[in-house]
Protein backbone atom coordinates (compact mmCIF):
# COMPACT_ATOMS: atom_id res chain seq x y z
CA MET A 1 110.16 58.14 141.34
CA LEU A 2 112.40 61.21 140.68
CA THR A 3 109.34 63.45 140.85
CA ALA A 4 108.16 62.03 144.14
CA VAL A 5 111.56 62.71 145.77
CA LEU A 6 111.48 66.48 144.26
CA ILE A 7 107.85 67.00 145.66
CA ALA A 8 108.83 65.63 149.11
CA GLN A 9 111.77 67.85 149.31
CA THR A 10 109.81 70.94 148.43
CA ASP A 11 107.06 70.12 151.30
CA SER A 12 109.49 70.53 154.10
CA THR A 13 109.09 74.01 155.60
CA SER A 14 111.92 75.96 156.49
CA THR A 15 111.77 78.16 159.78
CA GLY A 16 114.46 80.85 159.21
CA SER A 17 115.29 83.23 161.75
CA ALA A 18 113.51 86.67 161.76
CA LEU A 19 117.01 88.12 161.84
CA GLY A 20 117.87 86.44 158.84
CA THR A 21 114.78 87.56 156.99
CA PHE A 22 114.82 91.17 157.90
CA LEU A 23 118.58 91.98 158.05
CA PRO A 24 118.99 92.42 154.31
CA LEU A 25 116.06 94.94 154.48
CA VAL A 26 117.58 96.76 157.24
CA LEU A 27 120.99 96.85 155.37
CA LEU A 28 119.22 98.15 152.16
CA ALA A 29 117.59 100.89 154.20
CA GLY A 30 120.77 101.86 155.70
CA VAL A 31 122.63 101.95 152.35
CA PHE A 32 119.61 103.92 150.90
CA TYR A 33 119.92 106.45 153.76
CA LEU A 34 123.68 107.06 153.40
CA ALA A 35 123.54 107.18 149.61
CA PHE A 36 120.51 109.29 149.05
CA ILE A 37 118.99 111.08 152.12
CA LEU A 38 122.04 112.23 154.08
CA PRO A 39 123.73 114.06 151.13
CA ASN A 40 120.58 115.66 150.15
CA ARG A 41 120.06 116.94 153.88
CA ARG A 42 123.66 118.33 153.65
CA ARG A 43 123.11 120.08 150.44
CA LEU A 44 119.80 121.52 151.70
CA LYS A 45 121.55 122.74 154.69
CA ALA A 46 124.47 124.48 152.72
CA MET A 47 121.75 126.14 150.32
CA LYS A 48 119.84 127.46 153.53
CA GLU A 49 123.08 129.03 155.01
CA LEU A 50 124.11 130.50 151.70
CA ARG A 51 120.65 132.28 151.26
CA SER A 52 120.54 133.27 154.84
CA ALA A 53 124.05 134.93 154.59
CA LEU A 54 123.22 136.98 151.27
CA GLN A 55 124.43 140.58 151.55
CA ILE A 56 124.05 143.47 149.24
CA GLY A 57 127.04 143.58 146.97
CA ASP A 58 127.46 139.89 146.87
CA GLN A 59 127.83 138.43 143.28
CA VAL A 60 125.47 135.59 142.62
CA ARG A 61 124.05 133.01 139.94
CA THR A 62 120.53 132.07 139.85
CA ALA A 63 119.06 128.62 139.12
CA GLY A 64 118.35 129.71 135.77
CA GLY A 65 121.74 130.90 135.02
CA MET A 66 121.51 134.52 135.36
CA PHE A 67 124.64 136.17 136.86
CA GLY A 68 124.36 139.67 138.80
CA SER A 69 125.03 141.52 141.93
CA VAL A 70 122.70 141.70 144.80
CA VAL A 71 121.32 145.39 145.26
CA GLY A 72 118.41 144.61 147.61
CA ILE A 73 117.17 141.87 150.06
CA ASN A 74 113.58 141.54 151.42
CA ASP A 75 112.11 138.57 153.36
CA ASP A 76 111.64 136.05 150.60
CA ARG A 77 112.79 138.08 147.54
CA VAL A 78 116.22 139.43 146.26
CA GLN A 79 116.81 142.40 143.82
CA ILE A 80 119.76 141.43 141.37
CA ASP A 81 121.36 143.99 139.12
CA VAL A 82 122.15 142.03 135.96
CA GLY A 83 124.04 144.64 134.03
CA GLY A 84 123.36 147.79 132.27
CA GLY A 85 121.27 149.25 135.13
CA THR A 86 118.88 146.25 134.76
CA THR A 87 117.37 144.96 138.27
CA ILE A 88 115.43 141.80 138.31
CA THR A 89 113.74 140.60 141.40
CA PHE A 90 114.05 136.75 142.19
CA ALA A 91 112.68 134.66 144.90
CA VAL A 92 115.45 133.83 147.65
CA GLY A 93 115.28 130.20 146.53
CA ALA A 94 116.31 130.93 143.14
CA ILE A 95 119.97 131.79 144.17
CA ALA A 96 121.96 128.81 143.30
CA GLU A 97 125.44 129.96 144.31
CA ARG A 98 127.38 132.95 145.57
CA LEU A 99 130.60 133.82 143.29
CA SER A 100 133.84 134.99 144.45
CA ALA A 101 135.07 138.38 143.07
CA ASP A 102 137.34 136.97 140.38
CA GLU A 103 135.02 134.39 138.86
CA PRO A 104 133.70 135.35 135.27
CA GLY A 105 130.00 136.25 135.06
CA ASP A 106 130.55 139.44 137.28
CA SER A 107 128.64 142.42 136.04
């Protein structure tokens, strides 16, 4: 008898609203955008501005951790003096940050 009652209860169909069905998905997409996509866009914009504002004489750190001073800039390459008269050419995208004059790592 109990089994018949349980089966009868599961046979009833529920017609929930479309809003109730899709609202959690929309909210999840919004949280995903705010948590991951928006900060990444801001970071990429800041890196693009940094790389376009590079000037000869700037102290920089590369993505590989090398410190040096910019001695030449081409369209997509940057020459960096890393000390002792050694100049290395990097892709502009390899520049991770521009350092202020009083930070350690200056050559």
